Amino acid sequence: MVKDFKYAGYAKDQNIRSKASSGGVIPLLAKSIIEDGGIVYGAAYANDFKSVNTICIDNMNDYFKKIAKSKYSECYMPDLNEVKQKLES
């Protein structure tokens, strides 16, 4: 048991929970960020499904199509300067 864990939660909507491996918490956080005009980075399979890349999304349709669910593979990171610039803007 993890003793330092202070928060737990899940989405009340079963449809959201069934599409996410986080109990639906991450899609709810992503939705809030996107609705506030922000962007979200996450792991997405490449078109050939042979690799996983970190991508940027700005809408929930892309979230559920591209980055929902776990990927048990090494994820290739983008240029972190680009990520920093996008997050700052």
PDB file of N, CA and C in Angstrom:
ATOM      1  N   MET A   1       0.834  -1.189   0.000  1.00  0.00           N
ATOM      2  CA  MET A   1       0.000   0.000   0.000  1.00  0.00           C
ATOM      3  C   MET A   1       0.878   1.250   0.000  1.00  0.00           C
ATOM      4  N   VAL A   2       0.517   2.222  -0.806  1.00  0.00           N
ATOM      5  CA  VAL A   2       1.262   3.470  -0.878  1.00  0.00           C
ATOM      6  C   VAL A   2       0.761   4.392   0.218  1.00  0.00           C
ATOM      7  N   LYS A   3       1.612   4.730   1.162  1.00  0.00           N
ATOM      8  CA  LYS A   3       1.198   5.532   2.309  1.00  0.00           C
ATOM      9  C   LYS A   3       1.211   7.024   2.038  1.00  0.00           C
ATOM     10  N   ASP A   4       1.992   7.476   1.047  1.00  0.00           N
ATOM     11  CA  ASP A   4       2.090   8.900   0.774  1.00  0.00           C
ATOM     12  C   ASP A   4       1.052   9.391  -0.222  1.00  0.00           C
ATOM     13  N   PHE A   5       0.227   8.512  -0.724  1.00  0.00           N
ATOM     14  CA  PHE A   5      -0.782   8.896  -1.703  1.00  0.00           C
ATOM     15  C   PHE A   5      -1.894   9.637  -0.980  1.00  0.00           C
ATOM     16  N   LYS A   6      -2.217  10.867  -1.435  1.00  0.00           N
ATOM     17  CA  LYS A   6      -3.163  11.694  -0.705  1.00  0.00           C
ATOM     18  C   LYS A   6      -4.499  11.866  -1.397  1.00  0.00           C
ATOM     19  N   TYR A   7      -4.565  11.576  -2.701  1.00  0.00           N
ATOM     20  CA  TYR A   7      -5.791  11.810  -3.439  1.00  0.00           C
ATOM     21  C   TYR A   7      -6.145  10.596  -4.281  1.00  0.00           C
ATOM     22  N   ALA A   8      -7.406  10.405  -4.447  1.00  0.00           N
ATOM     23  CA  ALA A   8      -7.898   9.344  -5.331  1.00  0.00           C
ATOM     24  C   ALA A   8      -9.167   9.862  -5.981  1.00  0.00           C
ATOM     25  N   GLY A   9      -9.457   9.370  -7.151  1.00  0.00           N
ATOM     26  CA  GLY A   9     -10.669   9.804  -7.825  1.00  0.00           C
ATOM     27  C   GLY A   9     -10.932   8.982  -9.069  1.00  0.00           C
ATOM     28  N   TYR A  10     -12.101   9.168  -9.614  1.00  0.00           N
ATOM     29  CA  TYR A  10     -12.485   8.526 -10.866  1.00  0.00           C
ATOM     30  C   TYR A  10     -13.625   9.319 -11.472  1.00  0.00           C
ATOM     31  N   ALA A  11     -13.825   9.148 -12.765  1.00  0.00           N
ATOM     32  CA  ALA A  11     -14.921   9.831 -13.453  1.00  0.00           C
ATOM     33  C   ALA A  11     -16.230   9.135 -13.114  1.00  0.00           C
ATOM     34  N   LYS A  12     -17.249   9.911 -12.832  1.00  0.00           N
ATOM     35  CA  LYS A  12     -18.561   9.328 -12.554  1.00  0.00           C
ATOM     36  C   LYS A  12     -19.175   8.720 -13.803  1.00  0.00           C
ATOM     37  N   ASP A  13     -18.819   9.257 -14.967  1.00  0.00           N
ATOM     38  CA  ASP A  13     -19.353   8.790 -16.242  1.00  0.00           C
ATOM     39  C   ASP A  13     -18.660   7.479 -16.649  1.00  0.00           C
ATOM     40  N   GLN A  14     -19.409   6.396 -16.666  1.00  0.00           N
ATOM     41  CA  GLN A  14     -18.870   5.076 -17.008  1.00  0.00           C
ATOM     42  C   GLN A  14     -18.266   5.073 -18.414  1.00  0.00           C
ATOM     43  N   ASN A  15     -18.850   5.823 -19.345  1.00  0.00           N
ATOM     44  CA  ASN A  15     -18.340   5.890 -20.706  1.00  0.00           C
ATOM     45  C   ASN A  15     -16.914   6.443 -20.715  1.00  0.00           C
ATOM     46  N   ILE A  16     -16.652   7.473 -19.938  1.00  0.00           N
ATOM     47  CA  ILE A  16     -15.298   8.041 -19.847  1.00  0.00           C
ATOM     48  C   ILE A  16     -14.361   7.038 -19.185  1.00  0.00           C
ATOM     49  N   ARG A  17     -14.802   6.410 -18.095  1.00  0.00           N
ATOM     50  CA  ARG A  17     -13.954   5.428 -17.403  1.00  0.00           C
ATOM     51  C   ARG A  17     -13.569   4.276 -18.317  1.00  0.00           C
ATOM     52  N   SER A  18     -14.487   3.844 -19.183  1.00  0.00           N
ATOM     53  CA  SER A  18     -14.194   2.699 -20.044  1.00  0.00           C
ATOM     54  C   SER A  18     -13.195   3.039 -21.148  1.00  0.00           C
ATOM     55  N   LYS A  19     -13.036   4.317 -21.460  1.00  0.00           N
ATOM     56  CA  LYS A  19     -12.105   4.737 -22.511  1.00  0.00           C
ATOM     57  C   LYS A  19     -10.739   5.124 -21.964  1.00  0.00           C
ATOM     58  N   ALA A  20     -10.580   5.172 -20.655  1.00  0.00           N
ATOM     59  CA  ALA A  20      -9.331   5.646 -20.062  1.00  0.00           C
ATOM     60  C   ALA A  20      -8.799   4.634 -19.065  1.00  0.00           C
ATOM     61  N   SER A  21      -7.486   4.526 -18.996  1.00  0.00           N
ATOM     62  CA  SER A  21      -6.884   3.589 -18.049  1.00  0.00           C
ATOM     63  C   SER A  21      -6.620   4.233 -16.694  1.00  0.00           C
ATOM     64  N   SER A  22      -6.991   5.485 -16.530  1.00  0.00           N
ATOM     65  CA  SER A  22      -6.725   6.218 -15.295  1.00  0.00           C
ATOM     66  C   SER A  22      -7.967   6.319 -14.404  1.00  0.00           C
ATOM     67  N   GLY A  23      -8.988   5.545 -14.713  1.00  0.00           N
ATOM     68  CA  GLY A  23     -10.248   5.708 -14.003  1.00  0.00           C
ATOM     69  C   GLY A  23     -11.007   6.920 -14.506  1.00  0.00           C
ATOM     70  N   GLY A  24     -10.535   7.484 -15.591  1.00  0.00           N
ATOM     71  CA  GLY A  24     -11.203   8.634 -16.184  1.00  0.00           C
ATOM     72  C   GLY A  24     -10.751   9.976 -15.656  1.00  0.00           C
ATOM     73  N   VAL A  25      -9.786   9.986 -14.750  1.00  0.00           N
ATOM     74  CA  VAL A  25      -9.323  11.251 -14.176  1.00  0.00           C
ATOM     75  C   VAL A  25      -8.539  12.074 -15.204  1.00  0.00           C
ATOM     76  N   ILE A  26      -7.659  11.446 -15.940  1.00  0.00           N
ATOM     77  CA  ILE A  26      -6.823  12.184 -16.895  1.00  0.00           C
ATOM     78  C   ILE A  26      -7.660  12.844 -17.991  1.00  0.00           C
ATOM     79  N   PRO A  27      -8.660  12.159 -18.586  1.00  0.00           N
ATOM     80  CA  PRO A  27      -9.471  12.873 -19.586  1.00  0.00           C
ATOM     81  C   PRO A  27     -10.207  14.076 -19.002  1.00  0.00           C
ATOM     82  N   LEU A  28     -10.628  13.997 -17.756  1.00  0.00           N
ATOM     83  CA  LEU A  28     -11.306  15.133 -17.132  1.00  0.00           C
ATOM     84  C   LEU A  28     -10.342  16.303 -16.942  1.00  0.00           C
ATOM     85  N   LEU A  29      -9.116  16.004 -16.535  1.00  0.00           N
ATOM     86  CA  LEU A  29      -8.108  17.060 -16.396  1.00  0.00           C
ATOM     87  C   LEU A  29      -7.759  17.648 -17.758  1.00  0.00           C
ATOM     88  N   ALA A  30      -7.588  16.773 -18.758  1.00  0.00           N
ATOM     89  CA  ALA A  30      -7.271  17.247 -20.116  1.00  0.00           C
ATOM     90  C   ALA A  30      -8.396  18.133 -20.643  1.00  0.00           C
ATOM     91  N   LYS A  31      -9.633  17.735 -20.422  1.00  0.00           N
ATOM     92  CA  LYS A  31     -10.780  18.518 -20.894  1.00  0.00           C
ATOM     93  C   LYS A  31     -10.776  19.909 -20.269  1.00  0.00           C
ATOM     94  N   SER A  32     -10.510  19.976 -18.982  1.00  0.00           N
ATOM     95  CA  SER A  32     -10.475  21.267 -18.290  1.00  0.00           C
ATOM     96  C   SER A  32      -9.381  22.164 -18.860  1.00  0.00           C
ATOM     97  N   ILE A  33      -8.204  21.591 -19.097  1.00  0.00           N
ATOM     98  CA  ILE A  33      -7.085  22.362 -19.639  1.00  0.00           C
ATOM     99  C   ILE A  33      -7.408  22.858 -21.046  1.00  0.00           C
ATOM    100  N   ILE A  34      -7.945  21.979 -21.888  1.00  0.00           N
ATOM    101  CA  ILE A  34      -8.269  22.338 -23.272  1.00  0.00           C
ATOM    102  C   ILE A  34      -9.379  23.386 -23.318  1.00  0.00           C
ATOM    103  N   GLU A  35     -10.396  23.233 -22.480  1.00  0.00           N
ATOM    104  CA  GLU A  35     -11.486  24.220 -22.449  1.00  0.00           C
ATOM    105  C   GLU A  35     -10.999  25.592 -22.005  1.00  0.00           C
ATOM    106  N   ASP A  36      -9.910  25.625 -21.238  1.00  0.00           N
ATOM    107  CA  ASP A  36      -9.317  26.902 -20.819  1.00  0.00           C
ATOM    108  C   ASP A  36      -8.343  27.446 -21.861  1.00  0.00           C
ATOM    109  N   GLY A  37      -8.296  26.817 -23.044  1.00  0.00           N
ATOM    110  CA  GLY A  37      -7.421  27.277 -24.112  1.00  0.00           C
ATOM    111  C   GLY A  37      -6.033  26.682 -24.081  1.00  0.00           C
ATOM    112  N   GLY A  38      -5.829  25.685 -23.254  1.00  0.00           N
ATOM    113  CA  GLY A  38      -4.513  25.068 -23.139  1.00  0.00           C
ATOM    114  C   GLY A  38      -4.312  23.910 -24.089  1.00  0.00           C
ATOM    115  N   ILE A  39      -3.155  23.294 -23.968  1.00  0.00           N
ATOM    116  CA  ILE A  39      -2.804  22.124 -24.757  1.00  0.00           C
ATOM    117  C   ILE A  39      -2.386  21.005 -23.821  1.00  0.00           C
ATOM    118  N   VAL A  40      -2.435  19.788 -24.328  1.00  0.00           N
ATOM    119  CA  VAL A  40      -2.093  18.613 -23.538  1.00  0.00           C
ATOM    120  C   VAL A  40      -1.124  17.754 -24.345  1.00  0.00           C
ATOM    121  N   TYR A  41      -0.090  17.254 -23.695  1.00  0.00           N
ATOM    122  CA  TYR A  41       0.838  16.325 -24.326  1.00  0.00           C
ATOM    123  C   TYR A  41       0.563  14.933 -23.795  1.00  0.00           C
ATOM    124  N   GLY A  42       0.703  13.943 -24.680  1.00  0.00           N
ATOM    125  CA  GLY A  42       0.494  12.569 -24.261  1.00  0.00           C
ATOM    126  C   GLY A  42       1.127  11.605 -25.240  1.00  0.00           C
ATOM    127  N   ALA A  43       1.115  10.343 -24.875  1.00  0.00           N
ATOM    128  CA  ALA A  43       1.708   9.287 -25.697  1.00  0.00           C
ATOM    129  C   ALA A  43       0.694   8.784 -26.715  1.00  0.00           C
ATOM    130  N   ALA A  44       1.146   8.662 -27.975  1.00  0.00           N
ATOM    131  CA  ALA A  44       0.286   8.184 -29.061  1.00  0.00           C
ATOM    132  C   ALA A  44       1.065   7.193 -29.919  1.00  0.00           C
ATOM    133  N   TYR A  45       0.376   6.152 -30.348  1.00  0.00           N
ATOM    134  CA  TYR A  45       1.010   5.214 -31.270  1.00  0.00           C
ATOM    135  C   TYR A  45       1.277   5.889 -32.606  1.00  0.00           C
ATOM    136  N   ALA A  46       2.388   5.539 -33.240  1.00  0.00           N
ATOM    137  CA  ALA A  46       2.670   5.981 -34.605  1.00  0.00           C
ATOM    138  C   ALA A  46       1.679   5.296 -35.540  1.00  0.00           C
ATOM    139  N   ASN A  47       1.567   5.797 -36.761  1.00  0.00           N
ATOM    140  CA  ASN A  47       0.612   5.233 -37.718  1.00  0.00           C
ATOM    141  C   ASN A  47       0.818   3.745 -37.956  1.00  0.00           C
ATOM    142  N   ASP A  48       2.062   3.270 -37.860  1.00  0.00           N
ATOM    143  CA  ASP A  48       2.338   1.847 -38.085  1.00  0.00           C
ATOM    144  C   ASP A  48       2.210   1.012 -36.802  1.00  0.00           C
ATOM    145  N   PHE A  49       1.883   1.649 -35.683  1.00  0.00           N
ATOM    146  CA  PHE A  49       1.721   1.008 -34.373  1.00  0.00           C
ATOM    147  C   PHE A  49       2.989   0.297 -33.898  1.00  0.00           C
ATOM    148  N   LYS A  50       4.141   0.683 -34.450  1.00  0.00           N
ATOM    149  CA  LYS A  50       5.397   0.060 -34.041  1.00  0.00           C
ATOM    150  C   LYS A  50       6.170   0.910 -33.045  1.00  0.00           C
ATOM    151  N   SER A  51       5.745   2.142 -32.845  1.00  0.00           N
ATOM    152  CA  SER A  51       6.422   3.020 -31.899  1.00  0.00           C
ATOM    153  C   SER A  51       5.404   3.948 -31.260  1.00  0.00           C
ATOM    154  N   VAL A  52       5.843   4.605 -30.196  1.00  0.00           N
ATOM    155  CA  VAL A  52       4.999   5.536 -29.459  1.00  0.00           C
ATOM    156  C   VAL A  52       5.719   6.877 -29.426  1.00  0.00           C
ATOM    157  N   ASN A  53       4.984   7.935 -29.719  1.00  0.00           N
ATOM    158  CA  ASN A  53       5.544   9.282 -29.734  1.00  0.00           C
ATOM    159  C   ASN A  53       4.756  10.195 -28.802  1.00  0.00           C
ATOM    160  N   THR A  54       5.396  11.215 -28.291  1.00  0.00           N
ATOM    161  CA  THR A  54       4.712  12.233 -27.505  1.00  0.00           C
ATOM    162  C   THR A  54       4.148  13.259 -28.482  1.00  0.00           C
ATOM    163  N   ILE A  55       2.844  13.508 -28.382  1.00  0.00           N
ATOM    164  CA  ILE A  55       2.212  14.470 -29.278  1.00  0.00           C
ATOM    165  C   ILE A  55       1.469  15.522 -28.478  1.00  0.00           C
ATOM    166  N   CYS A  56       1.158  16.621 -29.141  1.00  0.00           N
ATOM    167  CA  CYS A  56       0.418  17.732 -28.557  1.00  0.00           C
ATOM    168  C   CYS A  56      -0.994  17.707 -29.130  1.00  0.00           C
ATOM    169  N   ILE A  57      -1.986  17.862 -28.271  1.00  0.00           N
ATOM    170  CA  ILE A  57      -3.370  17.950 -28.741  1.00  0.00           C
ATOM    171  C   ILE A  57      -4.024  19.195 -28.163  1.00  0.00           C
ATOM    172  N   ASP A  58      -5.051  19.665 -28.863  1.00  0.00           N
ATOM    173  CA  ASP A  58      -5.790  20.836 -28.379  1.00  0.00           C
ATOM    174  C   ASP A  58      -7.295  20.624 -28.449  1.00  0.00           C
ATOM    175  N   ASN A  59      -7.727  19.347 -28.579  1.00  0.00           N
ATOM    176  CA  ASN A  59      -9.159  19.057 -28.571  1.00  0.00           C
ATOM    177  C   ASN A  59      -9.394  17.651 -28.035  1.00  0.00           C
ATOM    178  N   MET A  60     -10.548  17.452 -27.445  1.00  0.00           N
ATOM    179  CA  MET A  60     -10.848  16.178 -26.806  1.00  0.00           C
ATOM    180  C   MET A  60     -11.085  15.054 -27.811  1.00  0.00           C
ATOM    181  N   ASN A  61     -11.501  15.367 -29.023  1.00  0.00           N
ATOM    182  CA  ASN A  61     -11.662  14.339 -30.034  1.00  0.00           C
ATOM    183  C   ASN A  61     -10.316  13.641 -30.281  1.00  0.00           C
ATOM    184  N   ASP A  62      -9.253  14.436 -30.396  1.00  0.00           N
ATOM    185  CA  ASP A  62      -7.919  13.862 -30.563  1.00  0.00           C
ATOM    186  C   ASP A  62      -7.481  13.105 -29.318  1.00  0.00           C
ATOM    187  N   TYR A  63      -7.885  13.576 -28.150  1.00  0.00           N
ATOM    188  CA  TYR A  63      -7.509  12.881 -26.914  1.00  0.00           C
ATOM    189  C   TYR A  63      -7.974  11.430 -26.989  1.00  0.00           C
ATOM    190  N   PHE A  64      -9.257  11.223 -27.242  1.00  0.00           N
ATOM    191  CA  PHE A  64      -9.785   9.861 -27.226  1.00  0.00           C
ATOM    192  C   PHE A  64      -9.324   9.037 -28.427  1.00  0.00           C
ATOM    193  N   LYS A  65      -9.059   9.687 -29.559  1.00  0.00           N
ATOM    194  CA  LYS A  65      -8.569   8.958 -30.738  1.00  0.00           C
ATOM    195  C   LYS A  65      -7.096   8.593 -30.632  1.00  0.00           C
ATOM    196  N   LYS A  66      -6.302   9.463 -29.995  1.00  0.00           N
ATOM    197  CA  LYS A  66      -4.856   9.310 -30.083  1.00  0.00           C
ATOM    198  C   LYS A  66      -4.134   8.969 -28.777  1.00  0.00           C
ATOM    199  N   ILE A  67      -4.520   9.579 -27.654  1.00  0.00           N
ATOM    200  CA  ILE A  67      -3.683   9.376 -26.467  1.00  0.00           C
ATOM    201  C   ILE A  67      -4.357   8.656 -25.308  1.00  0.00           C
ATOM    202  N   ALA A  68      -5.640   8.359 -25.414  1.00  0.00           N
ATOM    203  CA  ALA A  68      -6.290   7.610 -24.331  1.00  0.00           C
ATOM    204  C   ALA A  68      -5.743   6.179 -24.301  1.00  0.00           C
ATOM    205  N   LYS A  69      -5.785   5.584 -23.173  1.00  0.00           N
ATOM    206  CA  LYS A  69      -5.334   4.212 -22.907  1.00  0.00           C
ATOM    207  C   LYS A  69      -3.820   4.165 -22.719  1.00  0.00           C
ATOM    208  N   SER A  70      -3.383   3.130 -22.016  1.00  0.00           N
ATOM    209  CA  SER A  70      -1.960   2.954 -21.730  1.00  0.00           C
ATOM    210  C   SER A  70      -1.221   2.384 -22.925  1.00  0.00           C
ATOM    211  N   LYS A  71       0.043   2.753 -23.035  1.00  0.00           N
ATOM    212  CA  LYS A  71       0.939   2.203 -24.039  1.00  0.00           C
ATOM    213  C   LYS A  71       2.155   1.682 -23.295  1.00  0.00           C
ATOM    214  N   TYR A  72       2.405   0.410 -23.396  1.00  0.00           N
ATOM    215  CA  TYR A  72       3.520  -0.185 -22.668  1.00  0.00           C
ATOM    216  C   TYR A  72       4.727  -0.291 -23.591  1.00  0.00           C
ATOM    217  N   SER A  73       5.310   0.860 -23.887  1.00  0.00           N
ATOM    218  CA  SER A  73       6.435   0.949 -24.801  1.00  0.00           C
ATOM    219  C   SER A  73       7.192   2.238 -24.506  1.00  0.00           C
ATOM    220  N   GLU A  74       8.448   2.288 -24.881  1.00  0.00           N
ATOM    221  CA  GLU A  74       9.216   3.517 -24.747  1.00  0.00           C
ATOM    222  C   GLU A  74       8.609   4.581 -25.651  1.00  0.00           C
ATOM    223  N   CYS A  75       8.514   5.782 -25.138  1.00  0.00           N
ATOM    224  CA  CYS A  75       7.900   6.882 -25.879  1.00  0.00           C
ATOM    225  C   CYS A  75       8.983   7.851 -26.333  1.00  0.00           C
ATOM    226  N   TYR A  76       8.968   8.182 -27.624  1.00  0.00           N
ATOM    227  CA  TYR A  76       9.926   9.143 -28.165  1.00  0.00           C
ATOM    228  C   TYR A  76       9.462  10.557 -27.849  1.00  0.00           C
ATOM    229  N   MET A  77      10.362  11.350 -27.304  1.00  0.00           N
ATOM    230  CA  MET A  77      10.039  12.705 -26.875  1.00  0.00           C
ATOM    231  C   MET A  77      10.299  13.706 -27.991  1.00  0.00           C
ATOM    232  N   PRO A  78       9.467  14.753 -28.074  1.00  0.00           N
ATOM    233  CA  PRO A  78       9.711  15.811 -29.056  1.00  0.00           C
ATOM    234  C   PRO A  78      10.824  16.737 -28.567  1.00  0.00           C
ATOM    235  N   ASP A  79      11.162  17.710 -29.384  1.00  0.00           N
ATOM    236  CA  ASP A  79      12.117  18.735 -29.000  1.00  0.00           C
ATOM    237  C   ASP A  79      11.535  19.492 -27.807  1.00  0.00           C
ATOM    238  N   LEU A  80      12.179  19.426 -26.673  1.00  0.00           N
ATOM    239  CA  LEU A  80      11.631  20.035 -25.458  1.00  0.00           C
ATOM    240  C   LEU A  80      11.583  21.549 -25.524  1.00  0.00           C
ATOM    241  N   ASN A  81      12.415  22.172 -26.363  1.00  0.00           N
ATOM    242  CA  ASN A  81      12.320  23.624 -26.537  1.00  0.00           C
ATOM    243  C   ASN A  81      10.988  23.990 -27.187  1.00  0.00           C
ATOM    244  N   GLU A  82      10.551  23.171 -28.140  1.00  0.00           N
ATOM    245  CA  GLU A  82       9.254  23.401 -28.784  1.00  0.00           C
ATOM    246  C   GLU A  82       8.120  23.248 -27.777  1.00  0.00           C
ATOM    247  N   VAL A  83       8.207  22.231 -26.943  1.00  0.00           N
ATOM    248  CA  VAL A  83       7.196  22.017 -25.905  1.00  0.00           C
ATOM    249  C   VAL A  83       7.147  23.220 -24.970  1.00  0.00           C
ATOM    250  N   LYS A  84       8.303  23.685 -24.548  1.00  0.00           N
ATOM    251  CA  LYS A  84       8.388  24.827 -23.638  1.00  0.00           C
ATOM    252  C   LYS A  84       7.746  26.063 -24.268  1.00  0.00           C
ATOM    253  N   GLN A  85       8.057  26.332 -25.551  1.00  0.00           N
ATOM    254  CA  GLN A  85       7.499  27.497 -26.234  1.00  0.00           C
ATOM    255  C   GLN A  85       5.982  27.413 -26.319  1.00  0.00           C
ATOM    256  N   LYS A  86       5.441  26.246 -26.638  1.00  0.00           N
ATOM    257  CA  LYS A  86       3.993  26.084 -26.738  1.00  0.00           C
ATOM    258  C   LYS A  86       3.325  26.284 -25.383  1.00  0.00           C
ATOM    259  N   LEU A  87       3.913  25.717 -24.357  1.00  0.00           N
ATOM    260  CA  LEU A  87       3.329  25.838 -23.017  1.00  0.00           C
ATOM    261  C   LEU A  87       3.384  27.283 -22.504  1.00  0.00           C
ATOM    262  N   GLU A  88       4.451  27.989 -22.823  1.00  0.00           N
ATOM    263  CA  GLU A  88       4.557  29.384 -22.388  1.00  0.00           C
ATOM    264  C   GLU A  88       3.585  30.300 -23.140  1.00  0.00           C
ATOM    265  N   SER A  89       3.259  29.938 -24.385  1.00  0.00           N
ATOM    266  CA  SER A  89       2.353  30.790 -25.143  1.00  0.00           C
ATOM    267  C   SER A  89       0.910  30.428 -24.819  1.00  0.00           C
TER     268      SER A  89
END
